[in-house]
């Protein structure tokens, strides 16, 4: 429940994502290979929490959601940056049971 409400809140406030963050996510997802195998594959990056400290340090918690086309089966990942440098590695939060099956079907067509 918390995950859904956090994601909804994060997506209401769109924020441009640094090309460095986008590149990091693409590498972690293996985006090029997934996109090549399944043209409907896509992902979104959401800023979940942004903390700015008086010493100039900014810590951001990120969530990544990927899916195949309009399928509701999604995977959720998280990572953290400090001043745009990744400080908490890319981790899987959840993966729907049908995600791999949908990917296999897409890949075979």
PDB file of N, CA and C in Angstrom:
ATOM      1  N   UNK A   1       0.819  -1.194   0.000  1.00  0.00           N
ATOM      2  CA  UNK A   1       0.000   0.000   0.000  1.00  0.00           C
ATOM      3  C   UNK A   1       0.864   1.259   0.000  1.00  0.00           C
ATOM      4  N   UNK A   2       1.878   1.258   0.822  1.00  0.00           N
ATOM      5  CA  UNK A   2       2.771   2.407   0.889  1.00  0.00           C
ATOM      6  C   UNK A   2       3.478   2.627  -0.442  1.00  0.00           C
ATOM      7  N   UNK A   3       3.892   1.542  -1.083  1.00  0.00           N
ATOM      8  CA  UNK A   3       4.575   1.632  -2.363  1.00  0.00           C
ATOM      9  C   UNK A   3       3.698   2.304  -3.405  1.00  0.00           C
ATOM     10  N   UNK A   4       2.436   1.927  -3.475  1.00  0.00           N
ATOM     11  CA  UNK A   4       1.517   2.501  -4.454  1.00  0.00           C
ATOM     12  C   UNK A   4       1.266   3.969  -4.174  1.00  0.00           C
ATOM     13  N   UNK A   5       1.046   4.324  -2.914  1.00  0.00           N
ATOM     14  CA  UNK A   5       0.775   5.728  -2.613  1.00  0.00           C
ATOM     15  C   UNK A   5       2.010   6.594  -2.841  1.00  0.00           C
ATOM     16  N   UNK A   6       3.185   6.067  -2.554  1.00  0.00           N
ATOM     17  CA  UNK A   6       4.415   6.817  -2.801  1.00  0.00           C
ATOM     18  C   UNK A   6       4.613   7.023  -4.293  1.00  0.00           C
ATOM     19  N   UNK A   7       4.382   5.977  -5.070  1.00  0.00           N
ATOM     20  CA  UNK A   7       4.533   6.075  -6.515  1.00  0.00           C
ATOM     21  C   UNK A   7       3.541   7.077  -7.089  1.00  0.00           C
ATOM     22  N   UNK A   8       2.310   7.049  -6.608  1.00  0.00           N
ATOM     23  CA  UNK A   8       1.301   7.992  -7.099  1.00  0.00           C
ATOM     24  C   UNK A   8       1.722   9.418  -6.784  1.00  0.00           C
ATOM     25  N   UNK A   9       2.223   9.640  -5.588  1.00  0.00           N
ATOM     26  CA  UNK A   9       2.663  10.982  -5.210  1.00  0.00           C
ATOM     27  C   UNK A   9       3.846  11.420  -6.078  1.00  0.00           C
ATOM     28  N   UNK A  10       4.781  10.504  -6.298  1.00  0.00           N
ATOM     29  CA  UNK A  10       5.973  10.851  -7.072  1.00  0.00           C
ATOM     30  C   UNK A  10       5.625  11.176  -8.511  1.00  0.00           C
ATOM     31  N   UNK A  11       4.686  10.457  -9.095  1.00  0.00           N
ATOM     32  CA  UNK A  11       4.379  10.681 -10.496  1.00  0.00           C
ATOM     33  C   UNK A  11       3.552  11.940 -10.711  1.00  0.00           C
ATOM     34  N   UNK A  12       2.951  12.476  -9.647  1.00  0.00           N
ATOM     35  CA  UNK A  12       2.189  13.713  -9.765  1.00  0.00           C
ATOM     36  C   UNK A  12       3.128  14.893  -9.958  1.00  0.00           C
ATOM     37  N   UNK A  13       4.335  14.779  -9.447  1.00  0.00           N
ATOM     38  CA  UNK A  13       5.304  15.861  -9.519  1.00  0.00           C
ATOM     39  C   UNK A  13       6.423  15.494 -10.493  1.00  0.00           C
ATOM     40  N   UNK A  14       6.188  15.660 -11.807  1.00  0.00           N
ATOM     41  CA  UNK A  14       7.219  15.275 -12.765  1.00  0.00           C
ATOM     42  C   UNK A  14       8.469  16.127 -12.607  1.00  0.00           C
ATOM     43  N   UNK A  15       9.593  15.520 -12.813  1.00  0.00           N
ATOM     44  CA  UNK A  15      10.874  16.199 -12.665  1.00  0.00           C
ATOM     45  C   UNK A  15      11.756  15.713 -13.798  1.00  0.00           C
ATOM     46  N   UNK A  16      12.471  16.623 -14.410  1.00  0.00           N
ATOM     47  CA  UNK A  16      13.389  16.179 -15.448  1.00  0.00           C
ATOM     48  C   UNK A  16      14.511  15.399 -14.777  1.00  0.00           C
ATOM     49  N   UNK A  17      14.908  14.336 -15.403  1.00  0.00           N
ATOM     50  CA  UNK A  17      15.921  13.460 -14.840  1.00  0.00           C
ATOM     51  C   UNK A  17      17.249  13.728 -15.538  1.00  0.00           C
ATOM     52  N   UNK A  18      18.284  13.817 -14.768  1.00  0.00           N
ATOM     53  CA  UNK A  18      19.628  14.019 -15.307  1.00  0.00           C
ATOM     54  C   UNK A  18      19.966  12.909 -16.303  1.00  0.00           C
ATOM     55  N   UNK A  19      20.632  13.248 -17.398  1.00  0.00           N
ATOM     56  CA  UNK A  19      21.067  12.202 -18.344  1.00  0.00           C
ATOM     57  C   UNK A  19      21.960  11.151 -17.675  1.00  0.00           C
ATOM     58  N   UNK A  20      22.703  11.535 -16.641  1.00  0.00           N
ATOM     59  CA  UNK A  20      23.524  10.564 -15.916  1.00  0.00           C
ATOM     60  C   UNK A  20      22.663   9.530 -15.197  1.00  0.00           C
ATOM     61  N   UNK A  21      21.569   9.999 -14.589  1.00  0.00           N
ATOM     62  CA  UNK A  21      20.649   9.095 -13.896  1.00  0.00           C
ATOM     63  C   UNK A  21      19.964   8.184 -14.911  1.00  0.00           C
ATOM     64  N   UNK A  22      19.499   8.758 -16.015  1.00  0.00           N
ATOM     65  CA  UNK A  22      18.842   7.974 -17.059  1.00  0.00           C
ATOM     66  C   UNK A  22      19.791   6.908 -17.615  1.00  0.00           C
ATOM     67  N   UNK A  23      21.034   7.273 -17.851  1.00  0.00           N
ATOM     68  CA  UNK A  23      22.022   6.315 -18.372  1.00  0.00           C
ATOM     69  C   UNK A  23      22.269   5.187 -17.373  1.00  0.00           C
ATOM     70  N   UNK A  24      22.380   5.544 -16.104  1.00  0.00           N
ATOM     71  CA  UNK A  24      22.569   4.523 -15.061  1.00  0.00           C
ATOM     72  C   UNK A  24      21.416   3.532 -15.070  1.00  0.00           C
ATOM     73  N   UNK A  25      20.190   4.040 -15.127  1.00  0.00           N
ATOM     74  CA  UNK A  25      19.011   3.177 -15.124  1.00  0.00           C
ATOM     75  C   UNK A  25      19.000   2.274 -16.357  1.00  0.00           C
ATOM     76  N   UNK A  26      19.293   2.831 -17.518  1.00  0.00           N
ATOM     77  CA  UNK A  26      19.316   2.022 -18.750  1.00  0.00           C
ATOM     78  C   UNK A  26      20.320   0.875 -18.644  1.00  0.00           C
ATOM     79  N   UNK A  27      21.484   1.148 -18.075  1.00  0.00           N
ATOM     80  CA  UNK A  27      22.486   0.097 -17.911  1.00  0.00           C
ATOM     81  C   UNK A  27      21.976  -0.972 -16.953  1.00  0.00           C
ATOM     82  N   UNK A  28      21.415  -0.552 -15.820  1.00  0.00           N
ATOM     83  CA  UNK A  28      20.932  -1.507 -14.821  1.00  0.00           C
ATOM     84  C   UNK A  28      19.789  -2.380 -15.354  1.00  0.00           C
ATOM     85  N   UNK A  29      18.922  -1.788 -16.174  1.00  0.00           N
ATOM     86  CA  UNK A  29      17.793  -2.536 -16.729  1.00  0.00           C
ATOM     87  C   UNK A  29      18.188  -3.386 -17.938  1.00  0.00           C
ATOM     88  N   UNK A  30      19.366  -3.136 -18.481  1.00  0.00           N
ATOM     89  CA  UNK A  30      19.771  -3.738 -19.756  1.00  0.00           C
ATOM     90  C   UNK A  30      18.772  -3.313 -20.835  1.00  0.00           C
ATOM     91  N   UNK A  31      18.486  -2.015 -20.823  1.00  0.00           N
ATOM     92  CA  UNK A  31      17.439  -1.429 -21.674  1.00  0.00           C
ATOM     93  C   UNK A  31      17.626  -1.750 -23.153  1.00  0.00           C
ATOM     94  N   UNK A  32      18.817  -1.577 -23.688  1.00  0.00           N
ATOM     95  CA  UNK A  32      19.013  -1.774 -25.124  1.00  0.00           C
ATOM     96  C   UNK A  32      18.628  -3.186 -25.564  1.00  0.00           C
ATOM     97  N   UNK A  33      19.034  -4.184 -24.794  1.00  0.00           N
ATOM     98  CA  UNK A  33      18.691  -5.561 -25.149  1.00  0.00           C
ATOM     99  C   UNK A  33      17.206  -5.845 -24.973  1.00  0.00           C
ATOM    100  N   UNK A  34      16.614  -5.311 -23.898  1.00  0.00           N
ATOM    101  CA  UNK A  34      15.177  -5.519 -23.689  1.00  0.00           C
ATOM    102  C   UNK A  34      14.366  -4.827 -24.783  1.00  0.00           C
ATOM    103  N   UNK A  35      14.745  -3.616 -25.133  1.00  0.00           N
ATOM    104  CA  UNK A  35      14.036  -2.854 -26.167  1.00  0.00           C
ATOM    105  C   UNK A  35      14.187  -3.525 -27.538  1.00  0.00           C
ATOM    106  N   UNK A  36      15.376  -4.047 -27.799  1.00  0.00           N
ATOM    107  CA  UNK A  36      15.635  -4.736 -29.063  1.00  0.00           C
ATOM    108  C   UNK A  36      14.776  -6.002 -29.173  1.00  0.00           C
ATOM    109  N   UNK A  37      14.656  -6.731 -28.069  1.00  0.00           N
ATOM    110  CA  UNK A  37      13.873  -7.964 -28.050  1.00  0.00           C
ATOM    111  C   UNK A  37      12.368  -7.697 -28.029  1.00  0.00           C
ATOM    112  N   UNK A  38      11.985  -6.579 -27.432  1.00  0.00           N
ATOM    113  CA  UNK A  38      10.560  -6.278 -27.270  1.00  0.00           C
ATOM    114  C   UNK A  38      10.363  -4.771 -27.431  1.00  0.00           C
ATOM    115  N   UNK A  39       9.940  -4.357 -28.599  1.00  0.00           N
ATOM    116  CA  UNK A  39       9.806  -2.940 -28.918  1.00  0.00           C
ATOM    117  C   UNK A  39       8.849  -2.182 -28.016  1.00  0.00           C
ATOM    118  N   UNK A  40       7.941  -2.889 -27.345  1.00  0.00           N
ATOM    119  CA  UNK A  40       6.975  -2.231 -26.454  1.00  0.00           C
ATOM    120  C   UNK A  40       7.536  -1.979 -25.061  1.00  0.00           C
ATOM    121  N   UNK A  41       8.756  -2.422 -24.798  1.00  0.00           N
ATOM    122  CA  UNK A  41       9.349  -2.264 -23.473  1.00  0.00           C
ATOM    123  C   UNK A  41       9.622  -0.788 -23.189  1.00  0.00           C
ATOM    124  N   UNK A  42       9.336  -0.362 -21.953  1.00  0.00           N
ATOM    125  CA  UNK A  42       9.596   1.018 -21.557  1.00  0.00           C
ATOM    126  C   UNK A  42       9.748   1.085 -20.039  1.00  0.00           C
ATOM    127  N   UNK A  43      10.218   2.215 -19.553  1.00  0.00           N
ATOM    128  CA  UNK A  43      10.413   2.410 -18.118  1.00  0.00           C
ATOM    129  C   UNK A  43      10.148   3.868 -17.767  1.00  0.00           C
ATOM    130  N   UNK A  44       9.930   4.107 -16.487  1.00  0.00           N
ATOM    131  CA  UNK A  44       9.758   5.454 -15.951  1.00  0.00           C
ATOM    132  C   UNK A  44      10.625   5.585 -14.706  1.00  0.00           C
ATOM    133  N   UNK A  45      11.167   6.779 -14.528  1.00  0.00           N
ATOM    134  CA  UNK A  45      11.968   7.074 -13.340  1.00  0.00           C
ATOM    135  C   UNK A  45      11.202   8.101 -12.515  1.00  0.00           C
ATOM    136  N   UNK A  46      11.002   7.797 -11.236  1.00  0.00           N
ATOM    137  CA  UNK A  46      10.269   8.694 -10.338  1.00  0.00           C
ATOM    138  C   UNK A  46      11.164   9.113  -9.181  1.00  0.00           C
ATOM    139  N   UNK A  47      11.142  10.381  -8.875  1.00  0.00           N
ATOM    140  CA  UNK A  47      11.815  10.877  -7.679  1.00  0.00           C
ATOM    141  C   UNK A  47      10.852  10.690  -6.519  1.00  0.00           C
ATOM    142  N   UNK A  48      11.253   9.887  -5.548  1.00  0.00           N
ATOM    143  CA  UNK A  48      10.359   9.562  -4.437  1.00  0.00           C
ATOM    144  C   UNK A  48      10.581  10.500  -3.252  1.00  0.00           C
ATOM    145  N   UNK A  49      11.844  10.787  -2.968  1.00  0.00           N
ATOM    146  CA  UNK A  49      12.158  11.633  -1.814  1.00  0.00           C
ATOM    147  C   UNK A  49      13.409  12.453  -2.132  1.00  0.00           C
ATOM    148  N   UNK A  50      13.360  13.745  -1.822  1.00  0.00           N
ATOM    149  CA  UNK A  50      14.477  14.645  -2.097  1.00  0.00           C
ATOM    150  C   UNK A  50      14.809  15.379  -0.801  1.00  0.00           C
ATOM    151  N   UNK A  51      16.019  15.146  -0.288  1.00  0.00           N
ATOM    152  CA  UNK A  51      16.451  15.802   0.946  1.00  0.00           C
ATOM    153  C   UNK A  51      17.636  16.715   0.642  1.00  0.00           C
ATOM    154  N   UNK A  52      17.477  18.001   0.956  1.00  0.00           N
ATOM    155  CA  UNK A  52      18.568  18.965   0.786  1.00  0.00           C
ATOM    156  C   UNK A  52      19.034  19.389   2.170  1.00  0.00           C
ATOM    157  N   UNK A  53      20.333  19.240   2.388  1.00  0.00           N
ATOM    158  CA  UNK A  53      20.905  19.552   3.691  1.00  0.00           C
ATOM    159  C   UNK A  53      21.645  20.884   3.640  1.00  0.00           C
ATOM    160  N   UNK A  54      21.833  21.494   4.801  1.00  0.00           N
ATOM    161  CA  UNK A  54      22.453  22.820   4.880  1.00  0.00           C
ATOM    162  C   UNK A  54      23.910  22.833   4.401  1.00  0.00           C
ATOM    163  N   UNK A  55      24.549  21.689   4.378  1.00  0.00           N
ATOM    164  CA  UNK A  55      25.942  21.620   3.920  1.00  0.00           C
ATOM    165  C   UNK A  55      26.049  21.477   2.396  1.00  0.00           C
ATOM    166  N   UNK A  56      24.910  21.583   1.705  1.00  0.00           N
ATOM    167  CA  UNK A  56      24.910  21.509   0.243  1.00  0.00           C
ATOM    168  C   UNK A  56      24.695  20.119  -0.321  1.00  0.00           C
ATOM    169  N   UNK A  57      24.585  19.119   0.527  1.00  0.00           N
ATOM    170  CA  UNK A  57      24.378  17.742   0.080  1.00  0.00           C
ATOM    171  C   UNK A  57      22.906  17.528  -0.240  1.00  0.00           C
ATOM    172  N   UNK A  58      22.647  16.888  -1.375  1.00  0.00           N
ATOM    173  CA  UNK A  58      21.285  16.529  -1.765  1.00  0.00           C
ATOM    174  C   UNK A  58      21.213  15.016  -1.931  1.00  0.00           C
ATOM    175  N   UNK A  59      20.301  14.383  -1.210  1.00  0.00           N
ATOM    176  CA  UNK A  59      20.099  12.939  -1.282  1.00  0.00           C
ATOM    177  C   UNK A  59      18.724  12.703  -1.896  1.00  0.00           C
ATOM    178  N   UNK A  60      18.695  11.895  -2.947  1.00  0.00           N
ATOM    179  CA  UNK A  60      17.427  11.608  -3.634  1.00  0.00           C
ATOM    180  C   UNK A  60      17.207  10.104  -3.682  1.00  0.00           C
ATOM    181  N   UNK A  61      16.008   9.682  -3.284  1.00  0.00           N
ATOM    182  CA  UNK A  61      15.576   8.297  -3.433  1.00  0.00           C
ATOM    183  C   UNK A  61      14.787   8.201  -4.732  1.00  0.00           C
ATOM    184  N   UNK A  62      15.136   7.245  -5.567  1.00  0.00           N
ATOM    185  CA  UNK A  62      14.514   7.059  -6.874  1.00  0.00           C
ATOM    186  C   UNK A  62      13.778   5.730  -6.942  1.00  0.00           C
ATOM    187  N   UNK A  63      12.713   5.700  -7.747  1.00  0.00           N
ATOM    188  CA  UNK A  63      12.017   4.458  -8.045  1.00  0.00           C
ATOM    189  C   UNK A  63      11.919   4.338  -9.557  1.00  0.00           C
ATOM    190  N   UNK A  64      12.155   3.146 -10.049  1.00  0.00           N
ATOM    191  CA  UNK A  64      12.057   2.858 -11.471  1.00  0.00           C
ATOM    192  C   UNK A  64      10.982   1.803 -11.656  1.00  0.00           C
ATOM    193  N   UNK A  65      10.103   2.041 -12.615  1.00  0.00           N
ATOM    194  CA  UNK A  65       9.040   1.091 -12.948  1.00  0.00           C
ATOM    195  C   UNK A  65       9.197   0.751 -14.413  1.00  0.00           C
ATOM    196  N   UNK A  66       9.264  -0.540 -14.713  1.00  0.00           N
ATOM    197  CA  UNK A  66       9.315  -0.906 -16.123  1.00  0.00           C
ATOM    198  C   UNK A  66       8.168  -1.839 -16.466  1.00  0.00           C
ATOM    199  N   UNK A  67       7.816  -1.831 -17.754  1.00  0.00           N
ATOM    200  CA  UNK A  67       6.679  -2.634 -18.216  1.00  0.00           C
ATOM    201  C   UNK A  67       6.838  -2.915 -19.700  1.00  0.00           C
ATOM    202  N   UNK A  68       6.025  -3.817 -20.169  1.00  0.00           N
ATOM    203  CA  UNK A  68       5.989  -4.142 -21.591  1.00  0.00           C
ATOM    204  C   UNK A  68       4.657  -3.644 -22.138  1.00  0.00           C
ATOM    205  N   UNK A  69       4.717  -2.619 -22.984  1.00  0.00           N
ATOM    206  CA  UNK A  69       3.505  -2.067 -23.589  1.00  0.00           C
ATOM    207  C   UNK A  69       2.498  -1.610 -22.563  1.00  0.00           C
ATOM    208  N   UNK A  70       1.247  -1.971 -22.781  1.00  0.00           N
ATOM    209  CA  UNK A  70       0.171  -1.551 -21.881  1.00  0.00           C
ATOM    210  C   UNK A  70      -0.132  -2.599 -20.818  1.00  0.00           C
ATOM    211  N   UNK A  71       0.666  -3.630 -20.745  1.00  0.00           N
ATOM    212  CA  UNK A  71       0.459  -4.676 -19.731  1.00  0.00           C
ATOM    213  C   UNK A  71       0.607  -4.051 -18.343  1.00  0.00           C
ATOM    214  N   UNK A  72      -0.201  -4.545 -17.420  1.00  0.00           N
ATOM    215  CA  UNK A  72      -0.131  -4.017 -16.051  1.00  0.00           C
ATOM    216  C   UNK A  72       0.962  -4.707 -15.244  1.00  0.00           C
ATOM    217  N   UNK A  73       1.561  -5.733 -15.802  1.00  0.00           N
ATOM    218  CA  UNK A  73       2.631  -6.435 -15.108  1.00  0.00           C
ATOM    219  C   UNK A  73       3.885  -5.576 -15.142  1.00  0.00           C
ATOM    220  N   UNK A  74       4.367  -5.240 -13.962  1.00  0.00           N
ATOM    221  CA  UNK A  74       5.490  -4.302 -13.852  1.00  0.00           C
ATOM    222  C   UNK A  74       6.553  -4.853 -12.914  1.00  0.00           C
ATOM    223  N   UNK A  75       7.745  -4.276 -13.039  1.00  0.00           N
ATOM    224  CA  UNK A  75       8.805  -4.515 -12.072  1.00  0.00           C
ATOM    225  C   UNK A  75       9.118  -3.167 -11.424  1.00  0.00           C
ATOM    226  N   UNK A  76       9.471  -3.200 -10.148  1.00  0.00           N
ATOM    227  CA  UNK A  76       9.803  -1.989  -9.402  1.00  0.00           C
ATOM    228  C   UNK A  76      11.229  -2.115  -8.867  1.00  0.00           C
ATOM    229  N   UNK A  77      11.996  -1.031  -9.018  1.00  0.00           N
ATOM    230  CA  UNK A  77      13.372  -0.983  -8.547  1.00  0.00           C
ATOM    231  C   UNK A  77      13.576   0.318  -7.777  1.00  0.00           C
ATOM    232  N   UNK A  78      14.618   0.351  -6.969  1.00  0.00           N
ATOM    233  CA  UNK A  78      14.938   1.567  -6.234  1.00  0.00           C
ATOM    234  C   UNK A  78      16.453   1.753  -6.175  1.00  0.00           C
ATOM    235  N   UNK A  79      16.874   2.992  -6.040  1.00  0.00           N
ATOM    236  CA  UNK A  79      18.271   3.332  -5.788  1.00  0.00           C
ATOM    237  C   UNK A  79      18.318   4.732  -5.209  1.00  0.00           C
ATOM    238  N   UNK A  80      19.477   5.137  -4.733  1.00  0.00           N
ATOM    239  CA  UNK A  80      19.628   6.446  -4.102  1.00  0.00           C
ATOM    240  C   UNK A  80      20.860   7.143  -4.666  1.00  0.00           C
ATOM    241  N   UNK A  81      20.761   8.470  -4.773  1.00  0.00           N
ATOM    242  CA  UNK A  81      21.909   9.268  -5.186  1.00  0.00           C
ATOM    243  C   UNK A  81      22.194  10.333  -4.128  1.00  0.00           C
ATOM    244  N   UNK A  82      23.469  10.689  -4.052  1.00  0.00           N
ATOM    245  CA  UNK A  82      23.907  11.816  -3.238  1.00  0.00           C
ATOM    246  C   UNK A  82      24.672  12.739  -4.165  1.00  0.00           C
ATOM    247  N   UNK A  83      24.131  13.936  -4.341  1.00  0.00           N
ATOM    248  CA  UNK A  83      24.712  14.894  -5.290  1.00  0.00           C
ATOM    249  C   UNK A  83      24.940  14.250  -6.664  1.00  0.00           C
ATOM    250  N   UNK A  84      23.957  13.532  -7.131  1.00  0.00           N
ATOM    251  CA  UNK A  84      23.881  12.875  -8.446  1.00  0.00           C
ATOM    252  C   UNK A  84      24.778  11.642  -8.548  1.00  0.00           C
ATOM    253  N   UNK A  85      25.534  11.314  -7.530  1.00  0.00           N
ATOM    254  CA  UNK A  85      26.343  10.090  -7.543  1.00  0.00           C
ATOM    255  C   UNK A  85      25.547   8.965  -6.878  1.00  0.00           C
ATOM    256  N   UNK A  86      25.505   7.800  -7.508  1.00  0.00           N
ATOM    257  CA  UNK A  86      24.761   6.668  -6.950  1.00  0.00           C
ATOM    258  C   UNK A  86      25.440   6.209  -5.666  1.00  0.00           C
ATOM    259  N   UNK A  87      24.664   6.189  -4.576  1.00  0.00           N
ATOM    260  CA  UNK A  87      25.207   5.798  -3.275  1.00  0.00           C
ATOM    261  C   UNK A  87      24.522   4.560  -2.710  1.00  0.00           C
ATOM    262  N   UNK A  88      23.419   4.162  -3.289  1.00  0.00           N
ATOM    263  CA  UNK A  88      22.731   2.937  -2.913  1.00  0.00           C
ATOM    264  C   UNK A  88      22.368   2.238  -4.203  1.00  0.00           C
ATOM    265  N   UNK A  89      22.894   1.058  -4.408  1.00  0.00           N
ATOM    266  CA  UNK A  89      22.792   0.382  -5.686  1.00  0.00           C
ATOM    267  C   UNK A  89      21.351   0.009  -6.053  1.00  0.00           C
ATOM    268  N   UNK A  90      21.162  -0.201  -7.326  1.00  0.00           N
ATOM    269  CA  UNK A  90      19.901  -0.571  -7.945  1.00  0.00           C
ATOM    270  C   UNK A  90      19.415  -1.894  -7.347  1.00  0.00           C
ATOM    271  N   UNK A  91      18.211  -1.878  -6.780  1.00  0.00           N
ATOM    272  CA  UNK A  91      17.652  -3.071  -6.142  1.00  0.00           C
ATOM    273  C   UNK A  91      16.239  -3.314  -6.634  1.00  0.00           C
ATOM    274  N   UNK A  92      15.901  -4.565  -6.792  1.00  0.00           N
ATOM    275  CA  UNK A  92      14.543  -4.930  -7.173  1.00  0.00           C
ATOM    276  C   UNK A  92      13.653  -4.913  -5.936  1.00  0.00           C
ATOM    277  N   UNK A  93      12.516  -4.231  -6.049  1.00  0.00           N
ATOM    278  CA  UNK A  93      11.533  -4.227  -4.962  1.00  0.00           C
ATOM    279  C   UNK A  93      10.494  -5.307  -5.176  1.00  0.00           C
ATOM    280  N   UNK A  94      10.030  -5.424  -6.424  1.00  0.00           N
ATOM    281  CA  UNK A  94       9.040  -6.458  -6.725  1.00  0.00           C
ATOM    282  C   UNK A  94       8.960  -6.680  -8.222  1.00  0.00           C
ATOM    283  N   UNK A  95       8.448  -7.840  -8.561  1.00  0.00           N
ATOM    284  CA  UNK A  95       8.264  -8.217  -9.956  1.00  0.00           C
ATOM    285  C   UNK A  95       6.974  -9.013 -10.020  1.00  0.00           C
ATOM    286  N   UNK A  96       6.069  -8.610 -10.902  1.00  0.00           N
ATOM    287  CA  UNK A  96       4.815  -9.342 -11.013  1.00  0.00           C
ATOM    288  C   UNK A  96       5.094 -10.728 -11.582  1.00  0.00           C
ATOM    289  N   UNK A  97       4.249 -11.666 -11.261  1.00  0.00           N
ATOM    290  CA  UNK A  97       4.439 -13.052 -11.689  1.00  0.00           C
ATOM    291  C   UNK A  97       4.434 -13.206 -13.202  1.00  0.00           C
ATOM    292  N   UNK A  98       3.678 -12.380 -13.888  1.00  0.00           N
ATOM    293  CA  UNK A  98       3.526 -12.540 -15.335  1.00  0.00           C
ATOM    294  C   UNK A  98       4.529 -11.738 -16.158  1.00  0.00           C
ATOM    295  N   UNK A  99       5.386 -10.944 -15.528  1.00  0.00           N
ATOM    296  CA  UNK A  99       6.298 -10.087 -16.289  1.00  0.00           C
ATOM    297  C   UNK A  99       7.187 -10.898 -17.229  1.00  0.00           C
ATOM    298  N   UNK A 100       7.834 -11.938 -16.700  1.00  0.00           N
ATOM    299  CA  UNK A 100       8.743 -12.752 -17.515  1.00  0.00           C
ATOM    300  C   UNK A 100       7.985 -13.461 -18.638  1.00  0.00           C
ATOM    301  N   UNK A 101       6.780 -13.920 -18.347  1.00  0.00           N
ATOM    302  CA  UNK A 101       5.967 -14.588 -19.375  1.00  0.00           C
ATOM    303  C   UNK A 101       5.600 -13.607 -20.488  1.00  0.00           C
ATOM    304  N   UNK A 102       5.197 -12.413 -20.133  1.00  0.00           N
ATOM    305  CA  UNK A 102       4.869 -11.400 -21.140  1.00  0.00           C
ATOM    306  C   UNK A 102       6.096 -11.033 -21.968  1.00  0.00           C
ATOM    307  N   UNK A 103       7.251 -10.956 -21.316  1.00  0.00           N
ATOM    308  CA  UNK A 103       8.488 -10.659 -22.040  1.00  0.00           C
ATOM    309  C   UNK A 103       8.815 -11.786 -23.026  1.00  0.00           C
ATOM    310  N   UNK A 104       8.662 -13.018 -22.592  1.00  0.00           N
ATOM    311  CA  UNK A 104       8.940 -14.167 -23.463  1.00  0.00           C
ATOM    312  C   UNK A 104       8.000 -14.177 -24.668  1.00  0.00           C
ATOM    313  N   UNK A 105       6.727 -13.858 -24.445  1.00  0.00           N
ATOM    314  CA  UNK A 105       5.761 -13.806 -25.549  1.00  0.00           C
ATOM    315  C   UNK A 105       6.115 -12.688 -26.526  1.00  0.00           C
ATOM    316  N   UNK A 106       6.467 -11.549 -26.005  1.00  0.00           N
ATOM    317  CA  UNK A 106       6.836 -10.409 -26.847  1.00  0.00           C
ATOM    318  C   UNK A 106       8.092 -10.735 -27.652  1.00  0.00           C
ATOM    319  N   UNK A 107       9.048 -11.358 -27.011  1.00  0.00           N
ATOM    320  CA  UNK A 107      10.327 -11.690 -27.622  1.00  0.00           C
ATOM    321  C   UNK A 107      10.150 -12.716 -28.758  1.00  0.00           C
ATOM    322  N   UNK A 108       9.175 -13.616 -28.609  1.00  0.00           N
ATOM    323  CA  UNK A 108       8.986 -14.673 -29.606  1.00  0.00           C
ATOM    324  C   UNK A 108       8.228 -14.221 -30.843  1.00  0.00           C
ATOM    325  N   UNK A 109       7.610 -13.042 -30.796  1.00  0.00           N
ATOM    326  CA  UNK A 109       6.844 -12.576 -31.964  1.00  0.00           C
ATOM    327  C   UNK A 109       7.695 -11.791 -32.933  1.00  0.00           C
TER     328      UNK A 109
END
